[in-house]
């Protein structure tokens, strides 16, 4: 996947990591970047093509794909968090998390898969999270949805391999964005994460670990729950 001359579609492109993806794509030589947002008037990056899209609305997704038939790179970045706690949140909050991060990502990927296939294969980037691999009670809905999105990403990667579409997953912890503002601890620069992810796409990498906490949690996966949840034994949480 070459970024020079590519045509990209980024969801959630009006702020945060999505906006940084749009900027980084132009810096990398993309010929056109569609900036998808529920309110396209909020897209601020010069030269981006604003597109109205709500990833939880299948008609909206289909209309976006119809408009952007020249896309060679899809960045599934749009997301939100209800901070649904495992014991306290209503189930509608969990349902919204799944409709956004799982079904929304799947709908976008399905709609754009034939577009990418016709344009030579291209690539999809799915923005996941370190919480794809590790859950915390206070954001259990988000973590569960991101974990399911990780599974969907793996299935897409296999299903789209025959048409030559590369599927790259980004796992990252807290970012210095509006969405991550309330989270404790250090936060990564979203611009640096966007650039590193796109470099990984060009290098053919199927997975990008955007920060040290993601690398630490991935390393603990094979060791089981004791390593992933040291707080169960009185130790500090990994995130």
Protein backbone atom coordinates (compact mmCIF):
# COMPACT_ATOMS: atom_id res chain seq x y z
CA UNK A 1 0.00 0.00 0.00
CA UNK A 2 1.54 3.31 -1.13
CA UNK A 3 0.27 6.54 0.40
CA UNK A 4 1.70 8.73 -2.33
CA UNK A 5 -1.19 9.39 -4.72
CA UNK A 6 -3.66 7.40 -2.61
CA UNK A 7 -7.30 8.34 -2.05
CA UNK A 8 -8.38 7.92 1.57
CA UNK A 9 -11.62 8.02 3.52
CA UNK A 10 -11.34 8.77 7.25
CA UNK A 11 -14.30 8.51 9.61
CA UNK A 12 -14.57 10.72 12.67
CA UNK A 13 -12.37 13.19 10.81
CA UNK A 14 -13.59 16.40 12.39
CA UNK A 15 -11.44 16.19 15.53
CA UNK A 16 -8.92 14.23 17.56
CA UNK A 17 -7.15 11.28 16.03
CA UNK A 18 -9.32 11.36 12.91
CA UNK A 19 -8.33 14.94 12.11
CA UNK A 20 -4.68 13.98 12.64
CA UNK A 21 -5.07 11.08 10.20
CA UNK A 22 -6.36 13.50 7.57
CA UNK A 23 -3.40 15.85 8.08
CA UNK A 24 -0.89 12.99 8.11
CA UNK A 25 -2.31 11.56 4.89
CA UNK A 26 -1.81 14.84 3.06
CA UNK A 27 1.71 15.08 4.48
CA UNK A 28 2.38 11.57 3.13
CA UNK A 29 1.29 12.57 -0.37
CA UNK A 30 -2.33 11.43 -0.55
CA UNK A 31 -4.05 12.82 -3.64
CA UNK A 32 -7.45 13.16 -1.96
CA UNK A 33 -8.81 12.65 1.53
CA UNK A 34 -12.52 12.31 2.23
CA UNK A 35 -13.14 13.54 5.77
CA UNK A 36 -16.21 11.76 7.12
CA UNK A 37 -18.17 13.24 10.02
CA UNK A 38 -21.73 13.41 11.26
CA UNK A 39 -21.47 17.17 10.80
CA UNK A 40 -19.19 17.78 7.80
CA UNK A 41 -19.24 21.52 8.52
CA UNK A 42 -16.89 20.78 11.43
CA UNK A 43 -14.15 19.38 9.19
CA UNK A 44 -11.30 21.88 9.47
CA UNK A 45 -8.36 20.43 7.51
CA UNK A 46 -7.75 22.43 4.33
CA UNK A 47 -8.25 20.55 1.02
CA UNK A 48 -10.10 17.67 2.70
CA UNK A 49 -13.41 16.67 1.10
CA UNK A 50 -16.08 16.78 3.83
CA UNK A 51 -18.60 13.93 3.70
CA UNK A 52 -21.63 13.48 5.94
CA UNK A 53 -21.58 9.98 7.41
CA UNK A 54 -23.03 8.34 10.50
CA UNK A 55 -21.46 4.90 10.79
CA UNK A 56 -24.44 3.62 12.81
CA UNK A 57 -26.82 4.46 9.93
CA UNK A 58 -26.54 1.95 7.09
CA UNK A 59 -28.14 4.29 4.54
CA UNK A 60 -25.61 6.98 5.45
CA UNK A 61 -22.74 4.51 5.09
CA UNK A 62 -24.00 3.35 1.68
CA UNK A 63 -24.31 6.94 0.48
CA UNK A 64 -20.75 7.70 1.57
CA UNK A 65 -19.42 4.67 -0.31
CA UNK A 66 -21.38 5.67 -3.42
CA UNK A 67 -19.83 9.14 -3.27
CA UNK A 68 -16.27 7.92 -2.76
CA UNK A 69 -15.79 5.31 -5.47
CA UNK A 70 -12.09 6.17 -5.93
CA UNK A 71 -10.98 5.25 -2.39
CA UNK A 72 -7.88 3.08 -1.93
CA UNK A 73 -7.54 3.46 1.87
CA UNK A 74 -10.29 3.36 4.49
CA UNK A 75 -9.53 4.52 8.04
CA UNK A 76 -12.23 3.35 10.45
CA UNK A 77 -11.57 5.83 13.21
CA UNK A 78 -15.02 7.06 14.31
CA UNK A 79 -15.95 6.13 17.83
CA UNK A 80 -17.27 7.31 21.14
CA UNK A 81 -17.49 6.18 24.71
CA UNK A 82 -20.39 6.09 27.12
CA UNK A 83 -18.06 5.09 29.98
CA UNK A 84 -20.43 2.24 30.66
CA UNK A 85 -19.45 0.60 33.91
CA UNK A 86 -19.81 -3.15 34.23
CA UNK A 87 -22.21 -3.09 37.21
CA UNK A 88 -23.85 0.30 36.93
CA UNK A 89 -24.53 1.25 33.29
CA UNK A 90 -27.81 0.54 31.57
CA UNK A 91 -27.68 -2.02 28.79
CA UNK A 92 -28.53 0.61 26.17
CA UNK A 93 -25.11 2.12 26.78
CA UNK A 94 -23.48 -1.22 26.04
CA UNK A 95 -25.69 -1.59 22.97
CA UNK A 96 -24.60 1.84 21.66
CA UNK A 97 -20.92 0.92 22.11
CA UNK A 98 -21.42 -2.23 20.04
CA UNK A 99 -23.46 -0.46 17.36
CA UNK A 100 -20.68 2.09 16.96
CA UNK A 101 -17.43 0.19 17.29
CA UNK A 102 -18.47 -3.23 16.03
CA UNK A 103 -21.40 -2.85 13.65
CA UNK A 104 -20.34 0.62 12.47
CA UNK A 105 -16.84 -0.56 11.66
CA UNK A 106 -18.21 -3.65 9.95
CA UNK A 107 -20.74 -1.63 7.92
CA UNK A 108 -18.05 0.75 6.66
CA UNK A 109 -15.71 -2.12 5.83
CA UNK A 110 -18.41 -4.03 3.94
CA UNK A 111 -19.50 -0.94 2.01
CA UNK A 112 -15.98 -0.03 0.94
CA UNK A 113 -14.58 -3.55 0.39
CA UNK A 114 -15.80 -3.75 -3.24
CA UNK A 115 -14.57 -0.21 -3.86
CA UNK A 116 -11.11 -1.14 -2.61
CA UNK A 117 -11.18 -4.36 -4.63
CA UNK A 118 -11.96 -2.52 -7.86
CA UNK A 119 -9.18 -0.02 -7.14
CA UNK A 120 -6.47 -2.63 -6.73
CA UNK A 121 -6.95 -3.85 -3.18
CA UNK A 122 -5.73 -1.00 -1.05
CA UNK A 123 -5.99 -1.11 2.72
CA UNK A 124 -8.25 -0.69 5.73
CA UNK A 125 -7.09 0.70 9.08
CA UNK A 126 -9.25 -0.16 12.07
CA UNK A 127 -8.60 2.00 15.11
CA UNK A 128 -8.91 -0.35 18.07
CA UNK A 129 -7.53 0.14 21.57
CA UNK A 130 -5.35 -1.39 24.24
CA UNK A 131 -8.75 -2.13 25.79
CA UNK A 132 -9.30 -4.63 22.97
CA UNK A 133 -7.08 -6.87 25.11
CA UNK A 134 -7.67 -5.60 28.63
CA UNK A 135 -10.86 -4.49 30.35
CA UNK A 136 -11.47 -2.03 33.15
CA UNK A 137 -14.73 -2.00 35.12
CA UNK A 138 -15.38 1.72 34.61
CA UNK A 139 -15.34 1.44 30.79
CA UNK A 140 -16.40 -2.15 30.35
CA UNK A 141 -18.83 -1.35 27.52
CA UNK A 142 -16.14 0.35 25.45
CA UNK A 143 -13.62 -2.41 26.15
CA UNK A 144 -16.06 -5.17 25.24
CA UNK A 145 -16.96 -3.43 21.98
CA UNK A 146 -13.31 -2.86 21.07
CA UNK A 147 -12.56 -6.50 21.85
CA UNK A 148 -15.35 -7.56 19.48
CA UNK A 149 -14.03 -5.09 16.89
CA UNK A 150 -10.63 -6.79 17.16
CA UNK A 151 -12.29 -10.10 16.29
CA UNK A 152 -14.12 -8.50 13.36
CA UNK A 153 -10.82 -7.02 12.18
CA UNK A 154 -9.18 -10.44 12.18
CA UNK A 155 -12.04 -11.92 10.17
CA UNK A 156 -11.94 -9.04 7.67
CA UNK A 157 -8.20 -9.49 7.27
CA UNK A 158 -8.64 -13.10 6.19
CA UNK A 159 -11.77 -12.52 4.10
CA UNK A 160 -10.25 -9.64 2.13
CA UNK A 161 -6.82 -11.14 1.58
CA UNK A 162 -7.88 -12.75 -1.69
CA UNK A 163 -8.74 -9.37 -3.23
CA UNK A 164 -5.43 -7.92 -2.03
CA UNK A 165 -6.82 -5.64 0.68
CA UNK A 166 -4.49 -5.20 3.64
CA UNK A 167 -6.21 -4.79 7.01
CA UNK A 168 -4.13 -3.05 9.68
CA UNK A 169 -5.20 -2.76 13.32
CA UNK A 170 -4.08 0.09 15.55
CA UNK A 171 -3.95 -0.64 19.27
CA UNK A 172 -3.30 2.39 21.46
CA UNK A 173 -4.01 3.64 24.96
CA UNK A 174 -5.12 7.08 26.02
CA UNK A 175 -4.60 9.93 23.57
CA UNK A 176 -4.36 13.67 24.16
CA UNK A 177 -7.78 14.30 22.58
CA UNK A 178 -11.19 15.46 23.79
CA UNK A 179 -12.28 11.84 24.17
CA UNK A 180 -9.28 10.99 26.36
CA UNK A 181 -9.28 14.20 28.40
CA UNK A 182 -10.95 12.67 31.46
CA UNK A 183 -8.66 9.64 31.57
CA UNK A 184 -5.88 9.57 34.18
CA UNK A 185 -2.20 9.21 33.44
CA UNK A 186 0.01 10.04 30.45
CA UNK A 187 -1.47 10.41 26.99
CA UNK A 188 0.07 9.93 23.55
CA UNK A 189 0.26 12.60 20.86
CA UNK A 190 -2.48 11.72 18.33
CA UNK A 191 -0.48 13.21 15.45
CA UNK A 192 2.49 10.96 16.20
CA UNK A 193 0.18 7.94 16.48
CA UNK A 194 -1.47 8.74 13.13
CA UNK A 195 1.90 9.07 11.39
CA UNK A 196 3.21 5.85 12.93
CA UNK A 197 0.08 3.99 11.87
CA UNK A 198 0.33 5.17 8.27
CA UNK A 199 4.02 4.23 8.21
CA UNK A 200 2.97 0.77 9.35
CA UNK A 201 0.41 0.57 6.55
CA UNK A 202 3.07 1.43 3.98
CA UNK A 203 5.39 -1.17 5.49
CA UNK A 204 2.70 -3.84 5.14
CA UNK A 205 2.23 -4.30 8.87
CA UNK A 206 -1.01 -5.93 10.00
CA UNK A 207 -0.79 -4.45 13.48
CA UNK A 208 0.55 -1.21 14.91
CA UNK A 209 1.13 -0.75 18.64
CA UNK A 210 0.80 2.97 19.22
CA UNK A 211 2.33 3.30 22.68
CA UNK A 212 4.24 1.55 25.43
CA UNK A 213 1.13 0.49 27.36
CA UNK A 214 -0.14 -1.40 24.29
CA UNK A 215 3.19 -3.17 23.94
CA UNK A 216 3.15 -4.06 27.65
CA UNK A 217 -0.41 -5.41 27.57
CA UNK A 218 0.18 -7.41 24.39
CA UNK A 219 3.22 -9.03 26.02
CA UNK A 220 1.07 -10.05 28.98
CA UNK A 221 -1.64 -11.70 26.88
CA UNK A 222 0.08 -15.07 26.73
CA UNK A 223 0.67 -15.09 30.48
CA UNK A 224 -2.98 -15.12 31.41
CA UNK A 225 -5.24 -13.19 33.82
CA UNK A 226 -2.66 -12.92 36.61
CA UNK A 227 -0.36 -10.93 34.33
CA UNK A 228 -3.14 -8.88 32.74
CA UNK A 229 -4.82 -7.99 36.04
CA UNK A 230 -2.11 -7.65 38.72
CA UNK A 231 -4.58 -5.60 40.81
CA UNK A 232 -6.24 -8.91 41.69
CA UNK A 233 -3.12 -9.64 43.73
CA UNK A 234 -2.70 -6.14 45.13
CA UNK A 235 -0.51 -4.78 42.35
CA UNK A 236 -0.99 -1.75 40.07
CA UNK A 237 -3.21 -1.94 36.99
CA UNK A 238 -1.48 -2.15 33.61
CA UNK A 239 -3.43 0.93 32.43
